[in-house]
């Protein structure tokens, strides 16, 4: 991230960076930061089941709305 909060994609976005210098060293010297967020492998199945539950709940709610709208009795 740039010091002003922008996200950088290329080394060319770092001002005044000589090509012979390493990308991380140059970016850090210019005041930029890089961070990576990861989740341990032990949480994989928990995330998979949580996502499946959320999607199933959304399916049930939207399916109920659709069925209720089409099967509703007229009086």
N, C-alpha and C. Protein backbone atom coordinates (compact mmCIF):
# COMPACT_ATOMS: atom_id res chain seq x y z
N UNK A 1 0.84 -1.17 0.00
CA UNK A 1 0.00 0.00 0.00
C UNK A 1 0.88 1.23 0.00
N UNK A 2 0.38 2.23 -0.66
CA UNK A 2 1.08 3.50 -0.68
C UNK A 2 0.85 4.22 0.64
N UNK A 3 1.72 5.18 0.97
CA UNK A 3 1.53 5.91 2.21
C UNK A 3 0.17 6.61 2.31
N UNK A 4 -0.43 6.94 1.16
CA UNK A 4 -1.74 7.61 1.18
C UNK A 4 -2.90 6.62 1.16
N UNK A 5 -2.61 5.30 1.22
CA UNK A 5 -3.65 4.30 1.29
C UNK A 5 -4.00 3.64 -0.03
N UNK A 6 -3.43 4.11 -1.13
CA UNK A 6 -3.70 3.50 -2.44
C UNK A 6 -3.02 2.14 -2.53
N UNK A 7 -3.62 1.23 -3.30
CA UNK A 7 -3.02 -0.08 -3.52
C UNK A 7 -2.19 -0.02 -4.79
N UNK A 8 -0.98 -0.56 -4.73
CA UNK A 8 -0.08 -0.55 -5.88
C UNK A 8 -0.08 -1.92 -6.55
N UNK A 9 0.05 -1.91 -7.86
CA UNK A 9 0.09 -3.16 -8.61
C UNK A 9 1.47 -3.41 -9.21
N UNK A 10 2.17 -2.38 -9.62
CA UNK A 10 3.43 -2.54 -10.34
C UNK A 10 4.54 -1.77 -9.66
N UNK A 11 5.78 -2.20 -9.87
CA UNK A 11 6.94 -1.49 -9.36
C UNK A 11 7.03 -0.10 -9.98
N UNK A 12 6.50 0.06 -11.18
CA UNK A 12 6.55 1.36 -11.86
C UNK A 12 5.77 2.42 -11.10
N UNK A 13 4.87 2.01 -10.21
CA UNK A 13 4.10 2.98 -9.43
C UNK A 13 4.92 3.58 -8.30
N UNK A 14 6.08 2.99 -7.98
CA UNK A 14 6.94 3.52 -6.92
C UNK A 14 7.81 4.61 -7.52
N UNK A 15 7.68 5.85 -7.06
CA UNK A 15 8.46 6.93 -7.66
C UNK A 15 9.95 6.81 -7.37
N UNK A 16 10.76 7.16 -8.35
CA UNK A 16 12.22 7.22 -8.24
C UNK A 16 12.83 5.93 -7.71
N UNK A 17 12.45 4.82 -8.28
CA UNK A 17 12.98 3.53 -7.87
C UNK A 17 13.97 3.02 -8.91
N UNK A 18 15.26 2.95 -8.57
CA UNK A 18 16.23 2.43 -9.55
C UNK A 18 16.00 0.94 -9.81
N UNK A 19 16.20 0.53 -11.04
CA UNK A 19 15.92 -0.85 -11.43
C UNK A 19 16.84 -1.87 -10.77
N UNK A 20 18.03 -1.51 -10.38
CA UNK A 20 18.96 -2.47 -9.81
C UNK A 20 18.64 -2.84 -8.37
N UNK A 21 17.80 -2.10 -7.73
CA UNK A 21 17.46 -2.34 -6.32
C UNK A 21 16.30 -3.31 -6.23
N UNK A 22 16.25 -4.10 -5.17
CA UNK A 22 15.14 -5.04 -4.99
C UNK A 22 13.82 -4.31 -4.81
N UNK A 23 12.75 -4.90 -5.29
CA UNK A 23 11.44 -4.26 -5.25
C UNK A 23 11.00 -3.95 -3.82
N UNK A 24 11.13 -4.91 -2.90
CA UNK A 24 10.68 -4.68 -1.53
C UNK A 24 11.50 -3.61 -0.83
N UNK A 25 12.82 -3.66 -0.99
CA UNK A 25 13.69 -2.68 -0.34
C UNK A 25 13.39 -1.28 -0.86
N UNK A 26 13.19 -1.17 -2.16
CA UNK A 26 12.90 0.13 -2.77
C UNK A 26 11.55 0.67 -2.29
N UNK A 27 10.56 -0.19 -2.26
CA UNK A 27 9.22 0.24 -1.85
C UNK A 27 9.21 0.63 -0.38
N UNK A 28 9.89 -0.13 0.47
CA UNK A 28 9.94 0.20 1.89
C UNK A 28 10.69 1.50 2.14
N UNK A 29 11.76 1.73 1.39
CA UNK A 29 12.52 2.97 1.53
C UNK A 29 11.67 4.18 1.12
N UNK A 30 10.74 3.98 0.20
CA UNK A 30 9.87 5.06 -0.26
C UNK A 30 8.67 5.25 0.68
N UNK A 31 8.52 4.39 1.70
CA UNK A 31 7.44 4.55 2.67
C UNK A 31 6.23 3.67 2.39
N UNK A 32 6.35 2.74 1.46
CA UNK A 32 5.25 1.84 1.14
C UNK A 32 5.31 0.62 2.04
N UNK A 33 4.16 -0.03 2.24
CA UNK A 33 4.10 -1.23 3.07
C UNK A 33 3.42 -2.34 2.31
N UNK A 34 3.83 -3.55 2.60
CA UNK A 34 3.21 -4.72 2.00
C UNK A 34 2.82 -5.66 3.14
N UNK A 35 1.62 -6.20 3.06
CA UNK A 35 1.22 -7.16 4.07
C UNK A 35 0.38 -8.24 3.42
N UNK A 36 0.44 -9.41 4.01
CA UNK A 36 -0.30 -10.55 3.50
C UNK A 36 -1.09 -11.15 4.66
N UNK A 37 -2.34 -11.42 4.41
CA UNK A 37 -3.19 -12.06 5.41
C UNK A 37 -3.48 -13.47 4.90
N UNK A 38 -3.25 -14.45 5.72
CA UNK A 38 -3.55 -15.82 5.34
C UNK A 38 -4.21 -16.53 6.50
N UNK A 39 -4.89 -17.60 6.18
CA UNK A 39 -5.53 -18.42 7.19
C UNK A 39 -4.83 -19.78 7.19
N UNK A 40 -4.61 -20.36 8.35
CA UNK A 40 -3.95 -21.67 8.40
C UNK A 40 -4.81 -22.76 7.75
N UNK A 41 -4.15 -23.77 7.28
CA UNK A 41 -4.83 -24.87 6.59
C UNK A 41 -5.83 -25.58 7.49
N UNK A 42 -5.65 -25.50 8.79
CA UNK A 42 -6.56 -26.19 9.71
C UNK A 42 -7.96 -25.58 9.70
N UNK A 43 -8.11 -24.37 9.17
CA UNK A 43 -9.42 -23.72 9.12
C UNK A 43 -10.15 -23.93 7.80
N UNK A 44 -9.54 -24.67 6.87
CA UNK A 44 -10.12 -24.82 5.55
C UNK A 44 -11.55 -25.36 5.59
N UNK A 45 -11.75 -26.50 6.25
CA UNK A 45 -13.08 -27.11 6.25
C UNK A 45 -14.09 -26.28 7.02
N UNK A 46 -13.65 -25.59 8.05
CA UNK A 46 -14.57 -24.71 8.78
C UNK A 46 -15.09 -23.61 7.85
N UNK A 47 -14.20 -23.02 7.07
CA UNK A 47 -14.61 -21.98 6.12
C UNK A 47 -15.52 -22.55 5.04
N UNK A 48 -15.21 -23.76 4.59
CA UNK A 48 -16.04 -24.38 3.55
C UNK A 48 -17.45 -24.63 4.06
N UNK A 49 -17.59 -25.17 5.25
CA UNK A 49 -18.92 -25.45 5.82
C UNK A 49 -19.67 -24.17 6.15
N UNK A 50 -18.95 -23.15 6.61
CA UNK A 50 -19.59 -21.86 6.90
C UNK A 50 -20.14 -21.25 5.61
N UNK A 51 -19.34 -21.26 4.57
CA UNK A 51 -19.80 -20.72 3.28
C UNK A 51 -20.98 -21.52 2.75
N UNK A 52 -20.91 -22.84 2.85
CA UNK A 52 -22.02 -23.68 2.38
C UNK A 52 -23.29 -23.37 3.16
N UNK A 53 -23.18 -23.18 4.47
CA UNK A 53 -24.35 -22.85 5.28
C UNK A 53 -24.96 -21.52 4.90
N UNK A 54 -24.12 -20.52 4.67
CA UNK A 54 -24.62 -19.20 4.26
C UNK A 54 -25.34 -19.29 2.93
N UNK A 55 -24.74 -20.00 1.98
CA UNK A 55 -25.36 -20.13 0.65
C UNK A 55 -26.65 -20.94 0.71
N UNK A 56 -26.70 -21.98 1.53
CA UNK A 56 -27.93 -22.76 1.67
C UNK A 56 -29.04 -21.92 2.32
N UNK A 57 -28.69 -21.11 3.31
CA UNK A 57 -29.68 -20.25 3.95
C UNK A 57 -30.22 -19.23 2.95
N UNK A 58 -29.34 -18.64 2.16
CA UNK A 58 -29.78 -17.68 1.15
C UNK A 58 -30.67 -18.36 0.11
N UNK A 59 -30.32 -19.58 -0.26
CA UNK A 59 -31.13 -20.33 -1.22
C UNK A 59 -32.52 -20.60 -0.65
N UNK A 60 -32.60 -20.99 0.61
CA UNK A 60 -33.89 -21.27 1.23
C UNK A 60 -34.75 -20.01 1.31
N UNK A 61 -34.15 -18.89 1.71
CA UNK A 61 -34.92 -17.64 1.82
C UNK A 61 -35.41 -17.19 0.46
N UNK A 62 -34.51 -17.14 -0.51
CA UNK A 62 -34.92 -16.67 -1.85
C UNK A 62 -35.87 -17.65 -2.52
N UNK A 63 -35.67 -18.96 -2.30
CA UNK A 63 -36.60 -19.95 -2.84
C UNK A 63 -37.98 -19.81 -2.22
N UNK A 64 -38.03 -19.54 -0.92
CA UNK A 64 -39.31 -19.34 -0.25
C UNK A 64 -40.03 -18.11 -0.76
N UNK A 65 -39.28 -17.04 -0.99
CA UNK A 65 -39.89 -15.82 -1.54
C UNK A 65 -40.43 -16.08 -2.94
N UNK A 66 -39.64 -16.77 -3.76
CA UNK A 66 -40.09 -17.06 -5.13
C UNK A 66 -41.31 -17.97 -5.13
N UNK A 67 -41.28 -19.02 -4.33
CA UNK A 67 -42.42 -19.95 -4.27
C UNK A 67 -43.64 -19.25 -3.69
N UNK A 68 -43.44 -18.45 -2.65
CA UNK A 68 -44.57 -17.74 -2.05
C UNK A 68 -45.21 -16.74 -3.01
N UNK A 69 -44.38 -16.11 -3.84
CA UNK A 69 -44.91 -15.16 -4.81
C UNK A 69 -45.66 -15.80 -5.96
N UNK A 70 -45.31 -17.02 -6.29
CA UNK A 70 -45.97 -17.67 -7.42
C UNK A 70 -47.15 -18.55 -7.01
N UNK A 71 -47.19 -19.03 -5.78
CA UNK A 71 -48.23 -19.95 -5.35
C UNK A 71 -49.28 -19.24 -4.50
N UNK A 72 -49.12 -17.97 -4.27
CA UNK A 72 -50.02 -17.23 -3.40
C UNK A 72 -51.47 -17.31 -3.90
N UNK A 73 -52.38 -17.53 -2.99
CA UNK A 73 -53.80 -17.63 -3.34
C UNK A 73 -54.39 -16.27 -3.61
N UNK A 74 -55.31 -16.24 -4.55
CA UNK A 74 -56.05 -15.00 -4.80
C UNK A 74 -57.38 -15.07 -4.11
N UNK A 75 -57.80 -14.00 -3.48
CA UNK A 75 -59.08 -14.01 -2.78
C UNK A 75 -60.02 -13.03 -3.40
